[in-house]
Amino acid sequence: MPIEKLDDCTVLLVDDSPDNLAFMAQGLAGRYQIKAAKSGQMALHVLEQFDVDLILLDVVMPEMSGYDVIRFVTSNPKTRHIPVVFLTGKDSQEDEKLGFELGAADYIHKPVSIPLLRSRVRTHLQNKRSKDFLRDQNGYLETEVLKRSSELDRMQDAVVFALASLAETRDPETGNHILRTQHYVKLLAEYLAENEKYRELLTPKKIDTYFKAAPLHDIGKVGIVDSILLKPGKLTKEEFEIMKSHTTLGLQALERAEQLSGAHNDLISAAKEIAYGHHEKWDGSGYPNGYAGDDIPLSARLMAVADVYDALICKRVYKDAMTHEKAKSIILEGNGQHFDPLVIEAFLAQEDLFIKIASEFSDD
């Protein structure tokens, strides 16, 4: 509808004088839909019942002044976009200043001139129609941006999972390892989010980022030859050195992805931490850098427990699956040595859920 077409607009007249109401209603009749109220309370009742496009509001009224009414109008999300034009016999600059500060769009001085009234009403209705149109367009654009952003997020998640799954196909025995471990990481992070030390870091968004990045922890294994990656027996010292390089290979691959994107990405940053640091140990005896304690990124410390636990409870060509209790005892032996004590605390608090996830995403 063209913004010039205004005969469907509703104008609310508010004045305690019946004569003034009748005079203005007659002057605007046939041009707009008219509602009238002879008090502030009646005006608010009309606003609850009807959609109004403009309010012509007397300032001086008993019980509830025009200033009181406009405070309600501007504080209500439903009515705050309705322009309010004050009708007043006052000519004080201070009164006008107060009205504009409260949100008035204009002043019309009494006695009201009908030609002036018609001109001002049309101008403010046109302005409102234009603003409503822009607001609707902005709302539509915001919705579209959110929609496209959500689509991109889903596509990103799908690509991440596809890459992680590709790495896992190199070792057919790992099954649902990436699904289980990402859920373990989330459980641990959610528990630690209640700890004062990590409350600010582990926001819901950060936890979700860790969850989505966790599947990429072993992406570097794509670069390890089958004779070492799939060897059923114990690796030689030289072979183990090659196997350890999967952390660096993972980091390098993710760094290249980040460079190609040309922008910082929280998910890739978390994935780099996890891929490069999940074999570091709390006491500094891990690899590739021998980092210790809090020098190891928290994401990698969470992944360390998740990864080891899952490896212990799952059958491999070189070992049988362990029970939860046996795996738990081994995890606890590494408390303060292999693993961060606070992460172990989280593991113990969430162990029933670990068991549930292991069952839900089992390889059988």
Protein backbone atom coordinates (compact mmCIF):
# COMPACT_ATOMS: atom_id res chain seq x y z
CA MET A 1 0.00 0.00 0.00
CA PRO A 2 1.42 3.46 -0.87
CA ILE A 3 2.39 5.44 2.19
CA GLU A 4 0.27 8.40 0.90
CA LYS A 5 -2.93 6.39 1.41
CA LEU A 6 -3.89 7.27 4.97
CA ASP A 7 -7.68 6.92 5.22
CA ASP A 8 -7.30 3.60 7.01
CA CYS A 9 -5.23 5.23 9.79
CA THR A 10 -6.72 5.61 13.25
CA VAL A 11 -6.35 8.86 15.17
CA LEU A 12 -7.05 8.95 18.90
CA LEU A 13 -8.31 12.30 20.24
CA VAL A 14 -7.82 12.84 23.97
CA ASP A 15 -9.30 15.92 25.63
CA ASP A 16 -11.42 16.48 28.72
CA SER A 17 -13.57 18.98 26.84
CA PRO A 18 -16.43 17.39 24.85
CA ASP A 19 -16.60 20.50 22.68
CA ASN A 20 -12.93 20.21 21.74
CA LEU A 21 -13.35 16.53 20.94
CA ALA A 22 -16.35 17.21 18.73
CA PHE A 23 -14.61 20.10 16.97
CA MET A 24 -11.49 18.09 16.12
CA ALA A 25 -13.46 14.96 15.21
CA GLN A 26 -15.57 16.98 12.78
CA GLY A 27 -12.44 18.55 11.27
CA LEU A 28 -10.83 15.14 10.65
CA ALA A 29 -14.01 13.22 9.76
CA GLY A 30 -13.93 11.37 6.46
CA ARG A 31 -10.15 11.44 6.35
CA TYR A 32 -9.25 8.95 9.11
CA GLN A 33 -10.77 6.51 11.56
CA ILE A 34 -11.47 8.49 14.72
CA LYS A 35 -11.41 7.32 18.36
CA ALA A 36 -12.10 9.72 21.21
CA ALA A 37 -11.37 9.70 24.93
CA LYS A 38 -12.25 12.37 27.49
CA SER A 39 -9.62 11.33 30.06
CA GLY A 40 -6.17 9.84 30.28
CA GLN A 41 -7.49 6.58 31.71
CA MET A 42 -10.00 6.23 28.87
CA ALA A 43 -7.20 6.89 26.38
CA LEU A 44 -5.11 4.04 27.79
CA HIS A 45 -8.14 1.76 27.64
CA VAL A 46 -8.65 2.63 23.96
CA LEU A 47 -4.98 1.87 23.28
CA GLU A 48 -5.42 -1.56 24.83
CA GLN A 49 -8.39 -2.32 22.59
CA PHE A 50 -7.44 -0.79 19.24
CA ASP A 51 -4.46 -0.20 16.96
CA VAL A 52 -3.84 3.55 16.86
CA ASP A 53 -1.60 5.42 14.43
CA LEU A 54 -1.54 8.90 16.01
CA ILE A 55 -2.54 10.44 19.35
CA LEU A 56 -3.71 14.05 19.68
CA LEU A 57 -3.32 14.56 23.42
CA ASP A 58 -4.47 17.41 25.65
CA VAL A 59 -1.84 18.34 28.23
CA VAL A 60 -4.00 19.72 31.03
CA MET A 61 -6.57 17.17 32.18
CA PRO A 62 -7.85 16.26 35.66
CA GLU A 63 -6.54 13.17 37.48
CA MET A 64 -4.17 12.14 34.68
CA SER A 65 -2.35 14.76 32.64
CA GLY A 66 -1.10 14.40 29.10
CA TYR A 67 2.42 14.08 30.50
CA ASP A 68 1.26 11.08 32.55
CA VAL A 69 -0.36 9.51 29.52
CA ILE A 70 2.69 9.86 27.28
CA ARG A 71 4.85 8.19 29.92
CA PHE A 72 2.63 5.10 29.67
CA VAL A 73 2.58 5.26 25.87
CA THR A 74 6.35 5.45 25.45
CA SER A 75 7.04 2.76 28.08
CA ASN A 76 4.76 0.18 26.45
CA PRO A 77 6.40 -1.80 23.58
CA LYS A 78 3.01 -2.03 21.85
CA THR A 79 2.46 1.75 21.75
CA ARG A 80 5.90 3.34 21.94
CA HIS A 81 6.07 3.90 18.17
CA ILE A 82 2.81 5.88 18.07
CA PRO A 83 3.52 9.59 17.52
CA VAL A 84 1.98 11.85 20.16
CA VAL A 85 1.03 15.44 19.33
CA PHE A 86 0.27 17.59 22.35
CA LEU A 87 -2.68 19.97 22.37
CA THR A 88 -2.09 22.82 24.76
CA GLY A 89 -3.05 26.35 25.66
CA LYS A 90 0.35 26.77 27.32
CA ASP A 91 3.05 28.68 25.49
CA SER A 92 5.90 28.19 27.97
CA GLN A 93 9.16 26.95 26.45
CA GLU A 94 9.74 24.88 29.57
CA ASP A 95 6.43 23.08 29.03
CA GLU A 96 7.32 22.37 25.42
CA LYS A 97 10.80 21.19 26.42
CA LEU A 98 9.31 18.77 28.95
CA GLY A 99 6.90 17.41 26.35
CA PHE A 100 9.62 16.77 23.80
CA GLU A 101 11.82 15.16 26.46
CA LEU A 102 8.96 12.80 27.25
CA GLY A 103 8.74 11.80 23.58
CA ALA A 104 6.21 14.13 21.99
CA ALA A 105 6.41 14.44 18.21
CA ASP A 106 4.87 17.90 18.02
CA TYR A 107 2.79 20.62 19.71
CA ILE A 108 -0.41 22.23 18.46
CA HIS A 109 -1.53 25.28 20.37
CA LYS A 110 -5.13 25.98 21.26
CA PRO A 111 -7.42 27.24 19.97
CA VAL A 112 -6.87 24.62 17.29
CA SER A 113 -6.91 25.65 13.64
CA ILE A 114 -8.52 22.90 11.56
CA PRO A 115 -6.35 23.49 8.44
CA LEU A 116 -3.23 23.38 10.65
CA LEU A 117 -4.55 20.30 12.45
CA ARG A 118 -5.18 18.49 9.17
CA SER A 119 -1.73 19.38 7.86
CA ARG A 120 0.09 18.28 11.01
CA VAL A 121 -1.89 15.05 11.31
CA ARG A 122 -1.19 14.09 7.69
CA THR A 123 2.53 14.87 8.05
CA HIS A 124 2.92 12.78 11.20
CA LEU A 125 0.92 9.88 9.77
CA GLN A 126 3.08 9.88 6.65
CA ASN A 127 6.20 9.91 8.82
CA LYS A 128 4.89 7.04 10.89
CA ARG A 129 3.99 5.00 7.82
CA SER A 130 7.51 5.50 6.48
CA LYS A 131 9.10 4.53 9.80
CA ASP A 132 6.84 1.47 10.09
CA PHE A 133 7.87 0.41 6.59
CA LEU A 134 11.57 0.79 7.39
CA ARG A 135 11.15 -1.04 10.69
CA ASP A 136 9.38 -3.90 8.92
CA GLN A 137 12.15 -4.03 6.33
CA ASN A 138 14.81 -4.03 9.02
CA GLY A 139 12.98 -6.77 10.86
CA TYR A 140 12.80 -8.81 7.67
CA LEU A 141 16.50 -8.28 6.97
CA GLU A 142 17.43 -9.25 10.54
CA THR A 143 15.35 -12.41 10.19
CA GLU A 144 17.03 -13.22 6.88
CA VAL A 145 20.49 -12.60 8.34
CA LEU A 146 19.73 -14.91 11.27
CA LYS A 147 18.34 -17.50 8.87
CA ARG A 148 21.40 -17.40 6.61
CA SER A 149 23.71 -17.39 9.65
CA SER A 150 21.96 -20.48 10.97
CA GLU A 151 22.30 -22.16 7.58
CA LEU A 152 26.01 -21.34 7.49
CA ASP A 153 26.45 -22.69 11.03
CA ARG A 154 24.76 -25.95 10.06
CA MET A 155 26.90 -26.19 6.92
CA GLN A 156 30.04 -25.52 8.96
CA ASP A 157 29.07 -28.19 11.49
CA ALA A 158 28.39 -30.66 8.68
CA VAL A 159 31.77 -29.98 7.05
CA VAL A 160 33.58 -30.34 10.39
CA PHE A 161 31.88 -33.64 11.06
CA ALA A 162 32.57 -34.87 7.54
CA LEU A 163 36.28 -34.07 7.91
CA ALA A 164 36.41 -35.78 11.28
CA SER A 165 34.59 -38.83 9.91
CA LEU A 166 37.03 -38.98 7.00
CA ALA A 167 39.92 -39.13 9.46
CA GLU A 168 38.16 -41.85 11.44
CA THR A 169 37.73 -44.02 8.32
CA ARG A 170 41.48 -44.50 8.36
CA ASP A 171 40.90 -46.63 11.46
CA PRO A 172 37.71 -48.68 11.02
CA GLU A 173 37.73 -49.76 14.68
CA THR A 174 37.10 -46.27 16.09
CA GLY A 175 33.37 -46.38 15.25
CA ASN A 176 31.40 -43.68 17.06
CA HIS A 177 34.48 -42.40 18.87
CA ILE A 178 34.02 -38.83 17.67
CA LEU A 179 30.38 -38.75 18.77
CA ARG A 180 31.12 -40.10 22.23
CA THR A 181 34.13 -37.91 22.88
CA GLN A 182 32.41 -34.67 21.86
CA HIS A 183 29.61 -35.43 24.30
CA TYR A 184 32.12 -36.28 27.04
CA VAL A 185 33.84 -32.93 26.45
CA LYS A 186 30.51 -31.13 26.75
CA LEU A 187 29.67 -32.90 30.02
CA LEU A 188 33.01 -31.99 31.56
CA ALA A 189 32.77 -28.38 30.41
CA GLU A 190 29.23 -27.96 31.72
CA TYR A 191 30.31 -29.16 35.14
CA LEU A 192 33.39 -26.92 35.24
CA ALA A 193 31.27 -23.94 34.19
CA GLU A 194 29.95 -23.95 37.77
CA ASN A 195 33.49 -23.62 39.12
CA GLU A 196 34.51 -20.07 39.96
CA LYS A 197 37.81 -20.53 38.11
CA TYR A 198 36.09 -21.20 34.79
CA ARG A 199 32.70 -19.51 35.16
CA GLU A 200 33.57 -16.59 32.89
CA LEU A 201 35.39 -18.70 30.28
CA LEU A 202 32.90 -21.54 29.95
CA THR A 203 29.90 -19.68 28.62
CA PRO A 204 27.20 -21.69 26.82
CA LYS A 205 28.64 -20.42 23.52
CA LYS A 206 32.18 -21.51 24.45
CA ILE A 207 30.95 -24.95 25.53
CA ASP A 208 29.10 -25.33 22.23
CA THR A 209 32.29 -24.35 20.39
CA TYR A 210 34.28 -27.02 22.26
CA PHE A 211 31.54 -29.55 21.48
CA LYS A 212 31.70 -28.78 17.76
CA ALA A 213 35.50 -28.65 17.62
CA ALA A 214 36.13 -31.90 19.55
CA PRO A 215 35.58 -34.22 16.53
CA LEU A 216 38.65 -32.71 14.87
CA HIS A 217 41.04 -33.80 17.64
CA ASP A 218 42.61 -36.54 15.53
CA ILE A 219 42.32 -34.91 12.11
CA GLY A 220 46.11 -35.09 11.77
CA LYS A 221 45.99 -38.91 11.66
CA VAL A 222 45.10 -38.57 7.98
CA GLY A 223 48.81 -37.92 7.46
CA ILE A 224 50.01 -41.06 9.31
CA VAL A 225 50.85 -44.06 7.12
CA ASP A 226 48.69 -47.18 7.50
CA SER A 227 51.60 -49.37 8.57
CA ILE A 228 51.88 -47.30 11.74
CA LEU A 229 48.30 -46.09 12.23
CA LEU A 230 46.83 -49.58 11.90
CA LYS A 231 49.66 -51.59 13.43
CA PRO A 232 48.13 -54.22 15.77
CA GLY A 233 51.13 -54.46 18.08
CA LYS A 234 53.20 -52.02 20.10
CA LEU A 235 54.87 -49.26 18.13
CA THR A 236 58.62 -48.97 18.03
CA LYS A 237 60.23 -45.81 19.35
CA GLU A 238 60.67 -44.50 15.82
CA GLU A 239 57.11 -45.39 14.88
CA PHE A 240 55.76 -43.68 17.98
CA GLU A 241 57.62 -40.50 17.08
CA ILE A 242 55.88 -40.56 13.72
CA MET A 243 52.51 -41.25 15.38
CA LYS A 244 53.01 -38.28 17.71
CA SER A 245 53.31 -36.02 14.69
CA HIS A 246 49.55 -36.28 14.12
CA THR A 247 49.13 -33.44 16.63
CA THR A 248 51.34 -31.14 14.58
CA LEU A 249 49.80 -32.29 11.30
CA GLY A 250 46.35 -31.49 12.70
CA LEU A 251 47.47 -28.04 13.81
CA GLN A 252 49.02 -27.27 10.43
CA ALA A 253 45.92 -28.37 8.53
CA LEU A 254 43.68 -26.20 10.70
CA GLU A 255 46.04 -23.25 10.41
CA ARG A 256 45.85 -23.50 6.63
CA ALA A 257 42.06 -23.55 6.84
CA GLU A 258 42.15 -20.47 9.03
CA GLN A 259 44.46 -18.65 6.62
CA LEU A 260 42.23 -19.49 3.67
CA SER A 261 39.18 -18.16 5.51
CA GLY A 262 40.96 -14.83 6.01
CA ALA A 263 39.27 -14.28 9.36
CA HIS A 264 39.35 -15.46 12.96
CA ASN A 265 37.01 -18.35 13.65
CA ASP A 266 36.25 -19.51 17.19
CA LEU A 267 35.61 -23.08 16.11
CA ILE A 268 38.91 -23.40 14.24
CA SER A 269 40.77 -21.79 17.16
CA ALA A 270 39.31 -24.33 19.58
CA ALA A 271 40.00 -27.17 17.15
CA LYS A 272 43.64 -26.10 16.90
CA GLU A 273 44.00 -26.15 20.69
CA ILE A 274 42.40 -29.57 20.91
CA ALA A 275 44.21 -31.19 17.99
CA TYR A 276 47.61 -29.90 19.07
CA GLY A 277 47.29 -30.21 22.83
CA HIS A 278 45.14 -33.23 23.73
CA HIS A 279 48.21 -35.43 24.30
CA GLU A 280 49.88 -32.96 26.66
CA LYS A 281 49.90 -34.05 30.33
CA TRP A 282 49.27 -32.10 33.50
CA ASP A 283 52.75 -32.91 34.84
CA GLY A 284 54.51 -31.85 31.63
CA SER A 285 55.39 -35.33 30.38
CA GLY A 286 53.14 -35.27 27.33
CA TYR A 287 53.68 -34.21 23.72
CA PRO A 288 54.30 -32.41 21.42
CA ASN A 289 55.63 -29.57 23.61
CA GLY A 290 55.69 -30.93 27.16
CA TYR A 291 53.36 -28.19 28.40
CA ALA A 292 52.21 -28.54 32.00
CA GLY A 293 49.28 -27.39 34.16
CA ASP A 294 47.30 -24.39 33.02
CA ASP A 295 49.73 -23.83 30.13
CA ILE A 296 47.74 -26.55 28.40
CA PRO A 297 44.54 -25.06 26.93
CA LEU A 298 41.45 -26.08 28.88
CA SER A 299 39.85 -27.46 25.73
CA ALA A 300 42.78 -29.86 25.31
CA ARG A 301 42.65 -30.90 28.99
CA LEU A 302 38.98 -31.77 28.61
CA MET A 303 39.70 -33.69 25.43
CA ALA A 304 42.51 -35.63 27.12
CA VAL A 305 40.15 -37.23 29.64
CA ALA A 306 37.43 -37.79 27.05
CA ASP A 307 39.83 -39.40 24.57
CA VAL A 308 41.60 -41.68 27.03
CA TYR A 309 38.38 -42.82 28.68
CA ASP A 310 36.85 -43.74 25.33
CA ALA A 311 39.98 -45.56 24.19
CA LEU A 312 39.94 -47.62 27.38
CA ILE A 313 36.30 -48.74 27.20
CA CYS A 314 36.44 -49.65 23.49
CA LYS A 315 37.79 -52.79 21.88
CA ARG A 316 40.81 -52.41 19.64
CA VAL A 317 42.80 -54.91 17.61
CA TYR A 318 45.53 -54.78 20.24
CA LYS A 319 43.25 -54.83 23.36
CA ASP A 320 39.87 -55.83 24.72
CA ALA A 321 37.31 -53.32 25.91
CA MET A 322 37.52 -52.40 29.61
CA THR A 323 34.62 -51.95 31.99
CA HIS A 324 33.77 -48.48 33.16
CA GLU A 325 35.15 -49.25 36.61
CA LYS A 326 38.48 -50.44 35.22
CA ALA A 327 38.75 -47.42 32.93
CA LYS A 328 37.80 -45.17 35.83
CA SER A 329 40.56 -46.61 38.01
CA ILE A 330 43.15 -45.94 35.29
CA ILE A 331 41.86 -42.39 34.83
CA LEU A 332 42.13 -41.80 38.57
CA GLU A 333 45.72 -43.10 38.59
CA GLY A 334 46.52 -40.25 36.21
CA ASN A 335 44.96 -37.59 38.46
CA GLY A 336 47.48 -34.76 38.85
CA GLN A 337 49.94 -36.47 36.52
CA HIS A 338 48.29 -37.10 33.17
CA PHE A 339 45.09 -35.20 33.93
CA ASP A 340 43.99 -31.89 35.40
CA PRO A 341 42.59 -32.59 38.91
CA LEU A 342 39.58 -30.31 38.31
CA VAL A 343 38.73 -32.17 35.11
CA ILE A 344 38.95 -35.43 37.04
CA GLU A 345 36.56 -33.95 39.60
CA ALA A 346 34.18 -33.19 36.76
CA PHE A 347 34.59 -36.73 35.39
CA LEU A 348 33.68 -38.27 38.73
CA ALA A 349 30.66 -36.00 39.09
CA GLN A 350 29.43 -36.89 35.61
CA GLU A 351 30.43 -40.56 35.41
CA ASP A 352 26.83 -41.83 35.26
CA LEU A 353 26.28 -39.67 32.20
CA PHE A 354 29.55 -40.93 30.70
CA ILE A 355 28.19 -44.46 30.99
CA LYS A 356 24.92 -43.37 29.39
CA ILE A 357 26.67 -41.72 26.44
CA ALA A 358 28.94 -44.75 25.95
CA SER A 359 25.82 -46.92 25.72
CA GLU A 360 23.83 -44.55 23.53
CA PHE A 361 26.61 -44.20 20.96
CA SER A 362 28.10 -47.66 21.25
CA ASP A 363 29.70 -49.30 18.23
CA ASP A 364 27.46 -52.36 18.42
